[in-house]
Amino acid sequence: MVLHLVAADSAADETGRAAPARIGFVVSKAVGGSVVRNRVQRRLRHLVSARLSSIPVGSVLVIRALPASAASSWARLGRDLDSCLTTVAGQRGAPA
């Protein structure tokens, strides 16, 4: 899988409340048929919901599933997601 993270400069919306992180999923036809794509997206959605606290408030996260995601187990998808989140968090903290 591939993750893209855009961290918000301001974590508040126009009313002053903290804006939640927004998360989107891209699961193309290369992953498989509609049943397989929906299963991969449901699994990713469930895995991300358990990791919401590690996603910066106000940021936008896009998760793109690669074709190998269709045959991956829950544990493997979770490890891949954790690895990608760690990498993205490290790049976010690095100076530009």
PDB file of N, CA and C in Angstrom:
ATOM      1  N   MET A   1       0.834  -1.177   0.000  1.00  0.00           N
ATOM      2  CA  MET A   1       0.000   0.000   0.000  1.00  0.00           C
ATOM      3  C   MET A   1       0.877   1.239   0.000  1.00  0.00           C
ATOM      4  N   VAL A   2       0.279   2.323  -0.414  1.00  0.00           N
ATOM      5  CA  VAL A   2       0.978   3.602  -0.476  1.00  0.00           C
ATOM      6  C   VAL A   2       0.144   4.605   0.309  1.00  0.00           C
ATOM      7  N   LEU A   3       0.803   5.389   1.167  1.00  0.00           N
ATOM      8  CA  LEU A   3       0.119   6.421   1.937  1.00  0.00           C
ATOM      9  C   LEU A   3       0.606   7.791   1.521  1.00  0.00           C
ATOM     10  N   HIS A   4      -0.320   8.722   1.454  1.00  0.00           N
ATOM     11  CA  HIS A   4      -0.007  10.129   1.204  1.00  0.00           C
ATOM     12  C   HIS A   4      -0.628  10.918   2.351  1.00  0.00           C
ATOM     13  N   LEU A   5       0.172  11.729   3.023  1.00  0.00           N
ATOM     14  CA  LEU A   5      -0.306  12.512   4.156  1.00  0.00           C
ATOM     15  C   LEU A   5      -0.045  13.982   3.894  1.00  0.00           C
ATOM     16  N   VAL A   6      -1.086  14.781   4.033  1.00  0.00           N
ATOM     17  CA  VAL A   6      -0.953  16.233   3.963  1.00  0.00           C
ATOM     18  C   VAL A   6      -1.354  16.757   5.330  1.00  0.00           C
ATOM     19  N   ALA A   7      -0.366  17.245   6.055  1.00  0.00           N
ATOM     20  CA  ALA A   7      -0.619  17.758   7.396  1.00  0.00           C
ATOM     21  C   ALA A   7      -1.113  19.193   7.290  1.00  0.00           C
ATOM     22  N   ALA A   8      -2.143  19.506   8.056  1.00  0.00           N
ATOM     23  CA  ALA A   8      -2.715  20.847   8.055  1.00  0.00           C
ATOM     24  C   ALA A   8      -1.842  21.783   8.878  1.00  0.00           C
ATOM     25  N   ASP A   9      -1.686  23.025   8.392  1.00  0.00           N
ATOM     26  CA  ASP A   9      -0.952  24.029   9.158  1.00  0.00           C
ATOM     27  C   ASP A   9      -1.738  24.439  10.394  1.00  0.00           C
ATOM     28  N   SER A  10      -3.044  24.496  10.229  1.00  0.00           N
ATOM     29  CA  SER A  10      -3.916  24.869  11.336  1.00  0.00           C
ATOM     30  C   SER A  10      -4.851  23.702  11.618  1.00  0.00           C
ATOM     31  N   ALA A  11      -4.917  23.296  12.863  1.00  0.00           N
ATOM     32  CA  ALA A  11      -5.754  22.160  13.225  1.00  0.00           C
ATOM     33  C   ALA A  11      -7.151  22.586  13.638  1.00  0.00           C
ATOM     34  N   ALA A  12      -7.551  23.818  13.344  1.00  0.00           N
ATOM     35  CA  ALA A  12      -8.888  24.299  13.704  1.00  0.00           C
ATOM     36  C   ALA A  12      -9.636  24.705  12.443  1.00  0.00           C
ATOM     37  N   ASP A  13     -10.945  24.474  12.452  1.00  0.00           N
ATOM     38  CA  ASP A  13     -11.758  24.902  11.323  1.00  0.00           C
ATOM     39  C   ASP A  13     -12.216  26.338  11.551  1.00  0.00           C
ATOM     40  N   GLU A  14     -13.122  26.834  10.700  1.00  0.00           N
ATOM     41  CA  GLU A  14     -13.534  28.236  10.795  1.00  0.00           C
ATOM     42  C   GLU A  14     -14.292  28.564  12.076  1.00  0.00           C
ATOM     43  N   THR A  15     -14.846  27.579  12.762  1.00  0.00           N
ATOM     44  CA  THR A  15     -15.555  27.828  14.021  1.00  0.00           C
ATOM     45  C   THR A  15     -14.634  27.743  15.231  1.00  0.00           C
ATOM     46  N   GLY A  16     -13.364  27.380  15.006  1.00  0.00           N
ATOM     47  CA  GLY A  16     -12.423  27.295  16.099  1.00  0.00           C
ATOM     48  C   GLY A  16     -12.309  25.909  16.707  1.00  0.00           C
ATOM     49  N   ARG A  17     -13.155  24.990  16.262  1.00  0.00           N
ATOM     50  CA  ARG A  17     -13.081  23.619  16.765  1.00  0.00           C
ATOM     51  C   ARG A  17     -11.974  22.865  16.045  1.00  0.00           C
ATOM     52  N   ALA A  18     -11.437  21.871  16.703  1.00  0.00           N
ATOM     53  CA  ALA A  18     -10.399  21.051  16.088  1.00  0.00           C
ATOM     54  C   ALA A  18     -10.997  20.266  14.922  1.00  0.00           C
ATOM     55  N   ALA A  19     -10.357  20.385  13.766  1.00  0.00           N
ATOM     56  CA  ALA A  19     -10.830  19.670  12.584  1.00  0.00           C
ATOM     57  C   ALA A  19     -10.327  18.230  12.648  1.00  0.00           C
ATOM     58  N   PRO A  20     -11.193  17.268  12.427  1.00  0.00           N
ATOM     59  CA  PRO A  20     -10.743  15.867  12.476  1.00  0.00           C
ATOM     60  C   PRO A  20      -9.888  15.532  11.256  1.00  0.00           C
ATOM     61  N   ALA A  21      -9.127  14.482  11.382  1.00  0.00           N
ATOM     62  CA  ALA A  21      -8.356  13.990  10.239  1.00  0.00           C
ATOM     63  C   ALA A  21      -9.334  13.413   9.223  1.00  0.00           C
ATOM     64  N   ARG A  22      -9.045  13.636   7.946  1.00  0.00           N
ATOM     65  CA  ARG A  22      -9.871  13.068   6.882  1.00  0.00           C
ATOM     66  C   ARG A  22      -9.071  11.965   6.205  1.00  0.00           C
ATOM     67  N   ILE A  23      -9.733  10.861   5.930  1.00  0.00           N
ATOM     68  CA  ILE A  23      -9.059   9.697   5.371  1.00  0.00           C
ATOM     69  C   ILE A  23      -9.827   9.221   4.148  1.00  0.00           C
ATOM     70  N   GLY A  24      -9.085   8.975   3.064  1.00  0.00           N
ATOM     71  CA  GLY A  24      -9.688   8.463   1.845  1.00  0.00           C
ATOM     72  C   GLY A  24      -8.976   7.204   1.396  1.00  0.00           C
ATOM     73  N   PHE A  25      -9.697   6.379   0.670  1.00  0.00           N
ATOM     74  CA  PHE A  25      -9.149   5.112   0.199  1.00  0.00           C
ATOM     75  C   PHE A  25      -9.252   5.050  -1.316  1.00  0.00           C
ATOM     76  N   VAL A  26      -8.184   4.553  -1.945  1.00  0.00           N
ATOM     77  CA  VAL A  26      -8.175   4.332  -3.386  1.00  0.00           C
ATOM     78  C   VAL A  26      -7.882   2.851  -3.590  1.00  0.00           C
ATOM     79  N   VAL A  27      -8.884   2.151  -4.107  1.00  0.00           N
ATOM     80  CA  VAL A  27      -8.735   0.723  -4.383  1.00  0.00           C
ATOM     81  C   VAL A  27      -9.167   0.528  -5.839  1.00  0.00           C
ATOM     82  N   SER A  28      -8.197   0.438  -6.727  1.00  0.00           N
ATOM     83  CA  SER A  28      -8.495   0.390  -8.155  1.00  0.00           C
ATOM     84  C   SER A  28      -8.899  -1.003  -8.612  1.00  0.00           C
ATOM     85  N   LYS A  29      -9.331  -1.097  -9.861  1.00  0.00           N
ATOM     86  CA  LYS A  29      -9.722  -2.380 -10.445  1.00  0.00           C
ATOM     87  C   LYS A  29      -8.540  -3.337 -10.559  1.00  0.00           C
ATOM     88  N   ALA A  30      -7.334  -2.822 -10.470  1.00  0.00           N
ATOM     89  CA  ALA A  30      -6.149  -3.689 -10.513  1.00  0.00           C
ATOM     90  C   ALA A  30      -6.088  -4.608  -9.296  1.00  0.00           C
ATOM     91  N   VAL A  31      -6.749  -4.207  -8.203  1.00  0.00           N
ATOM     92  CA  VAL A  31      -6.768  -5.022  -6.988  1.00  0.00           C
ATOM     93  C   VAL A  31      -7.648  -6.252  -7.189  1.00  0.00           C
ATOM     94  N   GLY A  32      -8.717  -6.122  -7.940  1.00  0.00           N
ATOM     95  CA  GLY A  32      -9.611  -7.250  -8.194  1.00  0.00           C
ATOM     96  C   GLY A  32     -10.999  -6.771  -8.543  1.00  0.00           C
ATOM     97  N   GLY A  33     -11.926  -7.703  -8.542  1.00  0.00           N
ATOM     98  CA  GLY A  33     -13.320  -7.377  -8.820  1.00  0.00           C
ATOM     99  C   GLY A  33     -13.932  -6.559  -7.697  1.00  0.00           C
ATOM    100  N   SER A  34     -15.189  -6.191  -7.880  1.00  0.00           N
ATOM    101  CA  SER A  34     -15.831  -5.301  -6.904  1.00  0.00           C
ATOM    102  C   SER A  34     -15.916  -5.921  -5.513  1.00  0.00           C
ATOM    103  N   VAL A  35     -16.153  -7.211  -5.435  1.00  0.00           N
ATOM    104  CA  VAL A  35     -16.238  -7.867  -4.128  1.00  0.00           C
ATOM    105  C   VAL A  35     -14.889  -7.803  -3.414  1.00  0.00           C
ATOM    106  N   VAL A  36     -13.825  -8.058  -4.143  1.00  0.00           N
ATOM    107  CA  VAL A  36     -12.477  -8.030  -3.568  1.00  0.00           C
ATOM    108  C   VAL A  36     -12.106  -6.603  -3.180  1.00  0.00           C
ATOM    109  N   ARG A  37     -12.392  -5.648  -4.045  1.00  0.00           N
ATOM    110  CA  ARG A  37     -12.069  -4.237  -3.751  1.00  0.00           C
ATOM    111  C   ARG A  37     -12.804  -3.767  -2.504  1.00  0.00           C
ATOM    112  N   ASN A  38     -14.079  -4.106  -2.397  1.00  0.00           N
ATOM    113  CA  ASN A  38     -14.851  -3.686  -1.220  1.00  0.00           C
ATOM    114  C   ASN A  38     -14.336  -4.352   0.048  1.00  0.00           C
ATOM    115  N   ARG A  39     -13.931  -5.616  -0.045  1.00  0.00           N
ATOM    116  CA  ARG A  39     -13.376  -6.310   1.133  1.00  0.00           C
ATOM    117  C   ARG A  39     -12.083  -5.647   1.579  1.00  0.00           C
ATOM    118  N   VAL A  40     -11.208  -5.314   0.630  1.00  0.00           N
ATOM    119  CA  VAL A  40      -9.946  -4.650   0.968  1.00  0.00           C
ATOM    120  C   VAL A  40     -10.230  -3.297   1.602  1.00  0.00           C
ATOM    121  N   GLN A  41     -11.171  -2.550   1.040  1.00  0.00           N
ATOM    122  CA  GLN A  41     -11.487  -1.234   1.594  1.00  0.00           C
ATOM    123  C   GLN A  41     -12.080  -1.358   2.997  1.00  0.00           C
ATOM    124  N   ARG A  42     -12.948  -2.317   3.228  1.00  0.00           N
ATOM    125  CA  ARG A  42     -13.514  -2.519   4.580  1.00  0.00           C
ATOM    126  C   ARG A  42     -12.425  -2.877   5.579  1.00  0.00           C
ATOM    127  N   ARG A  43     -11.524  -3.754   5.177  1.00  0.00           N
ATOM    128  CA  ARG A  43     -10.423  -4.134   6.078  1.00  0.00           C
ATOM    129  C   ARG A  43      -9.553  -2.928   6.408  1.00  0.00           C
ATOM    130  N   LEU A  44      -9.201  -2.153   5.392  1.00  0.00           N
ATOM    131  CA  LEU A  44      -8.367  -0.969   5.627  1.00  0.00           C
ATOM    132  C   LEU A  44      -9.091   0.044   6.515  1.00  0.00           C
ATOM    133  N   ARG A  45     -10.371   0.239   6.264  1.00  0.00           N
ATOM    134  CA  ARG A  45     -11.142   1.184   7.074  1.00  0.00           C
ATOM    135  C   ARG A  45     -11.141   0.752   8.537  1.00  0.00           C
ATOM    136  N   HIS A  46     -11.325  -0.521   8.790  1.00  0.00           N
ATOM    137  CA  HIS A  46     -11.325  -1.036  10.158  1.00  0.00           C
ATOM    138  C   HIS A  46      -9.945  -0.880  10.805  1.00  0.00           C
ATOM    139  N   LEU A  47      -8.899  -1.189  10.053  1.00  0.00           N
ATOM    140  CA  LEU A  47      -7.545  -1.068  10.590  1.00  0.00           C
ATOM    141  C   LEU A  47      -7.195   0.389  10.893  1.00  0.00           C
ATOM    142  N   VAL A  48      -7.616   1.306  10.026  1.00  0.00           N
ATOM    143  CA  VAL A  48      -7.318   2.730  10.250  1.00  0.00           C
ATOM    144  C   VAL A  48      -8.088   3.255  11.454  1.00  0.00           C
ATOM    145  N   SER A  49      -9.321   2.794  11.649  1.00  0.00           N
ATOM    146  CA  SER A  49     -10.110   3.304  12.777  1.00  0.00           C
ATOM    147  C   SER A  49      -9.434   3.005  14.109  1.00  0.00           C
ATOM    148  N   ALA A  50      -8.693   1.906  14.177  1.00  0.00           N
ATOM    149  CA  ALA A  50      -7.976   1.564  15.403  1.00  0.00           C
ATOM    150  C   ALA A  50      -6.712   2.402  15.577  1.00  0.00           C
ATOM    151  N   ARG A  51      -6.299   3.092  14.526  1.00  0.00           N
ATOM    152  CA  ARG A  51      -5.056   3.865  14.565  1.00  0.00           C
ATOM    153  C   ARG A  51      -5.290   5.370  14.404  1.00  0.00           C
ATOM    154  N   LEU A  52      -6.505   5.826  14.585  1.00  0.00           N
ATOM    155  CA  LEU A  52      -6.821   7.244  14.396  1.00  0.00           C
ATOM    156  C   LEU A  52      -6.003   8.160  15.305  1.00  0.00           C
ATOM    157  N   SER A  53      -5.649   7.687  16.475  1.00  0.00           N
ATOM    158  CA  SER A  53      -4.903   8.538  17.402  1.00  0.00           C
ATOM    159  C   SER A  53      -3.492   8.846  16.888  1.00  0.00           C
ATOM    160  N   SER A  54      -2.971   8.032  15.978  1.00  0.00           N
ATOM    161  CA  SER A  54      -1.627   8.277  15.449  1.00  0.00           C
ATOM    162  C   SER A  54      -1.634   9.184  14.222  1.00  0.00           C
ATOM    163  N   ILE A  55      -2.818   9.584  13.761  1.00  0.00           N
ATOM    164  CA  ILE A  55      -2.929  10.462  12.597  1.00  0.00           C
ATOM    165  C   ILE A  55      -3.113  11.888  13.105  1.00  0.00           C
ATOM    166  N   PRO A  56      -2.290  12.827  12.650  1.00  0.00           N
ATOM    167  CA  PRO A  56      -2.383  14.199  13.148  1.00  0.00           C
ATOM    168  C   PRO A  56      -3.753  14.821  12.905  1.00  0.00           C
ATOM    169  N   VAL A  57      -4.223  15.581  13.882  1.00  0.00           N
ATOM    170  CA  VAL A  57      -5.508  16.255  13.786  1.00  0.00           C
ATOM    171  C   VAL A  57      -5.463  17.255  12.625  1.00  0.00           C
ATOM    172  N   GLY A  58      -6.516  17.281  11.828  1.00  0.00           N
ATOM    173  CA  GLY A  58      -6.617  18.234  10.734  1.00  0.00           C
ATOM    174  C   GLY A  58      -5.913  17.808   9.459  1.00  0.00           C
ATOM    175  N   SER A  59      -5.285  16.662   9.454  1.00  0.00           N
ATOM    176  CA  SER A  59      -4.547  16.225   8.272  1.00  0.00           C
ATOM    177  C   SER A  59      -5.451  15.450   7.319  1.00  0.00           C
ATOM    178  N   VAL A  60      -4.932  15.252   6.111  1.00  0.00           N
ATOM    179  CA  VAL A  60      -5.625  14.460   5.096  1.00  0.00           C
ATOM    180  C   VAL A  60      -4.732  13.280   4.766  1.00  0.00           C
ATOM    181  N   LEU A  61      -5.269  12.072   4.885  1.00  0.00           N
ATOM    182  CA  LEU A  61      -4.522  10.855   4.623  1.00  0.00           C
ATOM    183  C   LEU A  61      -5.221  10.095   3.502  1.00  0.00           C
ATOM    184  N   VAL A  62      -4.459   9.743   2.473  1.00  0.00           N
ATOM    185  CA  VAL A  62      -4.989   8.937   1.375  1.00  0.00           C
ATOM    186  C   VAL A  62      -4.235   7.622   1.362  1.00  0.00           C
ATOM    187  N   ILE A  63      -4.977   6.528   1.378  1.00  0.00           N
ATOM    188  CA  ILE A  63      -4.392   5.192   1.364  1.00  0.00           C
ATOM    189  C   ILE A  63      -4.724   4.549   0.030  1.00  0.00           C
ATOM    190  N   ARG A  64      -3.685   4.188  -0.715  1.00  0.00           N
ATOM    191  CA  ARG A  64      -3.871   3.536  -2.013  1.00  0.00           C
ATOM    192  C   ARG A  64      -3.470   2.079  -1.874  1.00  0.00           C
ATOM    193  N   ALA A  65      -4.431   1.194  -2.093  1.00  0.00           N
ATOM    194  CA  ALA A  65      -4.164  -0.244  -1.993  1.00  0.00           C
ATOM    195  C   ALA A  65      -3.539  -0.730  -3.290  1.00  0.00           C
ATOM    196  N   LEU A  66      -2.505  -1.527  -3.156  1.00  0.00           N
ATOM    197  CA  LEU A  66      -1.860  -2.135  -4.316  1.00  0.00           C
ATOM    198  C   LEU A  66      -2.475  -3.516  -4.549  1.00  0.00           C
ATOM    199  N   PRO A  67      -2.285  -4.088  -5.745  1.00  0.00           N
ATOM    200  CA  PRO A  67      -2.900  -5.388  -6.047  1.00  0.00           C
ATOM    201  C   PRO A  67      -2.598  -6.494  -5.035  1.00  0.00           C
ATOM    202  N   ALA A  68      -1.436  -6.480  -4.426  1.00  0.00           N
ATOM    203  CA  ALA A  68      -1.097  -7.517  -3.439  1.00  0.00           C
ATOM    204  C   ALA A  68      -1.981  -7.447  -2.198  1.00  0.00           C
ATOM    205  N   SER A  69      -2.654  -6.336  -1.987  1.00  0.00           N
ATOM    206  CA  SER A  69      -3.539  -6.193  -0.816  1.00  0.00           C
ATOM    207  C   SER A  69      -4.690  -7.184  -0.851  1.00  0.00           C
ATOM    208  N   ALA A  70      -5.090  -7.600  -2.031  1.00  0.00           N
ATOM    209  CA  ALA A  70      -6.223  -8.519  -2.159  1.00  0.00           C
ATOM    210  C   ALA A  70      -5.928  -9.866  -1.508  1.00  0.00           C
ATOM    211  N   ALA A  71      -4.692 -10.309  -1.576  1.00  0.00           N
ATOM    212  CA  ALA A  71      -4.331 -11.614  -1.023  1.00  0.00           C
ATOM    213  C   ALA A  71      -3.724 -11.519   0.369  1.00  0.00           C
ATOM    214  N   SER A  72      -3.594 -10.315   0.905  1.00  0.00           N
ATOM    215  CA  SER A  72      -2.969 -10.130   2.210  1.00  0.00           C
ATOM    216  C   SER A  72      -3.929 -10.454   3.340  1.00  0.00           C
ATOM    217  N   SER A  73      -3.381 -10.983   4.425  1.00  0.00           N
ATOM    218  CA  SER A  73      -4.178 -11.269   5.619  1.00  0.00           C
ATOM    219  C   SER A  73      -4.388  -9.974   6.410  1.00  0.00           C
ATOM    220  N   TRP A  74      -5.284 -10.058   7.407  1.00  0.00           N
ATOM    221  CA  TRP A  74      -5.508  -8.913   8.287  1.00  0.00           C
ATOM    222  C   TRP A  74      -4.198  -8.482   8.944  1.00  0.00           C
ATOM    223  N   ALA A  75      -3.465  -9.457   9.455  1.00  0.00           N
ATOM    224  CA  ALA A  75      -2.220  -9.148  10.161  1.00  0.00           C
ATOM    225  C   ALA A  75      -1.228  -8.467   9.232  1.00  0.00           C
ATOM    226  N   ARG A  76      -1.112  -8.966   8.017  1.00  0.00           N
ATOM    227  CA  ARG A  76      -0.173  -8.383   7.052  1.00  0.00           C
ATOM    228  C   ARG A  76      -0.587  -6.956   6.682  1.00  0.00           C
ATOM    229  N   LEU A  77      -1.879  -6.736   6.437  1.00  0.00           N
ATOM    230  CA  LEU A  77      -2.348  -5.384   6.135  1.00  0.00           C
ATOM    231  C   LEU A  77      -2.084  -4.451   7.312  1.00  0.00           C
ATOM    232  N   GLY A  78      -2.294  -4.935   8.525  1.00  0.00           N
ATOM    233  CA  GLY A  78      -2.030  -4.122   9.716  1.00  0.00           C
ATOM    234  C   GLY A  78      -0.562  -3.761   9.847  1.00  0.00           C
ATOM    235  N   ARG A  79       0.326  -4.742   9.601  1.00  0.00           N
ATOM    236  CA  ARG A  79       1.771  -4.459   9.655  1.00  0.00           C
ATOM    237  C   ARG A  79       2.174  -3.464   8.573  1.00  0.00           C
ATOM    238  N   ASP A  80       1.637  -3.640   7.371  1.00  0.00           N
ATOM    239  CA  ASP A  80       1.950  -2.713   6.281  1.00  0.00           C
ATOM    240  C   ASP A  80       1.462  -1.303   6.594  1.00  0.00           C
ATOM    241  N   LEU A  81       0.259  -1.217   7.153  1.00  0.00           N
ATOM    242  CA  LEU A  81      -0.288   0.088   7.514  1.00  0.00           C
ATOM    243  C   LEU A  81       0.557   0.749   8.597  1.00  0.00           C
ATOM    244  N   ASP A  82       0.941  -0.015   9.614  1.00  0.00           N
ATOM    245  CA  ASP A  82       1.790   0.533  10.677  1.00  0.00           C
ATOM    246  C   ASP A  82       3.125   1.014  10.121  1.00  0.00           C
ATOM    247  N   SER A  83       3.704   0.229   9.233  1.00  0.00           N
ATOM    248  CA  SER A  83       4.977   0.598   8.628  1.00  0.00           C
ATOM    249  C   SER A  83       4.852   1.889   7.821  1.00  0.00           C
ATOM    250  N   CYS A  84       3.788   1.992   7.039  1.00  0.00           N
ATOM    251  CA  CYS A  84       3.580   3.198   6.233  1.00  0.00           C
ATOM    252  C   CYS A  84       3.321   4.418   7.109  1.00  0.00           C
ATOM    253  N   LEU A  85       2.524   4.252   8.162  1.00  0.00           N
ATOM    254  CA  LEU A  85       2.257   5.377   9.063  1.00  0.00           C
ATOM    255  C   LEU A  85       3.530   5.838   9.760  1.00  0.00           C
ATOM    256  N   THR A  86       4.391   4.907  10.142  1.00  0.00           N
ATOM    257  CA  THR A  86       5.661   5.258  10.768  1.00  0.00           C
ATOM    258  C   THR A  86       6.543   6.025   9.789  1.00  0.00           C
ATOM    259  N   THR A  87       6.593   5.558   8.557  1.00  0.00           N
ATOM    260  CA  THR A  87       7.404   6.226   7.533  1.00  0.00           C
ATOM    261  C   THR A  87       6.889   7.633   7.254  1.00  0.00           C
ATOM    262  N   VAL A  88       5.577   7.767   7.112  1.00  0.00           N
ATOM    263  CA  VAL A  88       4.978   9.074   6.829  1.00  0.00           C
ATOM    264  C   VAL A  88       5.197  10.021   8.004  1.00  0.00           C
ATOM    265  N   ALA A  89       5.058   9.522   9.228  1.00  0.00           N
ATOM    266  CA  ALA A  89       5.271  10.362  10.407  1.00  0.00           C
ATOM    267  C   ALA A  89       6.717  10.827  10.484  1.00  0.00           C
ATOM    268  N   GLY A  90       7.665   9.949  10.122  1.00  0.00           N
ATOM    269  CA  GLY A  90       9.069  10.316  10.119  1.00  0.00           C
ATOM    270  C   GLY A  90       9.397  11.366   9.074  1.00  0.00           C
ATOM    271  N   GLN A  91       8.792  11.261   7.910  1.00  0.00           N
ATOM    272  CA  GLN A  91       9.019  12.233   6.848  1.00  0.00           C
ATOM    273  C   GLN A  91       8.380  13.570   7.191  1.00  0.00           C
ATOM    274  N   ARG A  92       7.263  13.520   7.903  1.00  0.00           N
ATOM    275  CA  ARG A  92       6.580  14.740   8.285  1.00  0.00           C
ATOM    276  C   ARG A  92       7.423  15.558   9.258  1.00  0.00           C
ATOM    277  N   GLY A  93       8.170  14.858  10.133  1.00  0.00           N
ATOM    278  CA  GLY A  93       8.977  15.551  11.126  1.00  0.00           C
ATOM    279  C   GLY A  93      10.322  15.997  10.589  1.00  0.00           C
ATOM    280  N   ALA A  94      10.711  15.510   9.404  1.00  0.00           N
ATOM    281  CA  ALA A  94      12.012  15.868   8.833  1.00  0.00           C
ATOM    282  C   ALA A  94      11.974  17.273   8.256  1.00  0.00           C
ATOM    283  N   PRO A  95      13.070  18.002   8.351  1.00  0.00           N
ATOM    284  CA  PRO A  95      13.094  19.347   7.765  1.00  0.00           C
ATOM    285  C   PRO A  95      13.044  19.274   6.240  1.00  0.00           C
ATOM    286  N   ALA A  96      12.406  20.261   5.652  1.00  0.00           N
ATOM    287  CA  ALA A  96      12.239  20.288   4.187  1.00  0.00           C
ATOM    288  C   ALA A  96      13.441  20.821   3.471  1.00  0.00           C
TER     289      ALA A  96
END
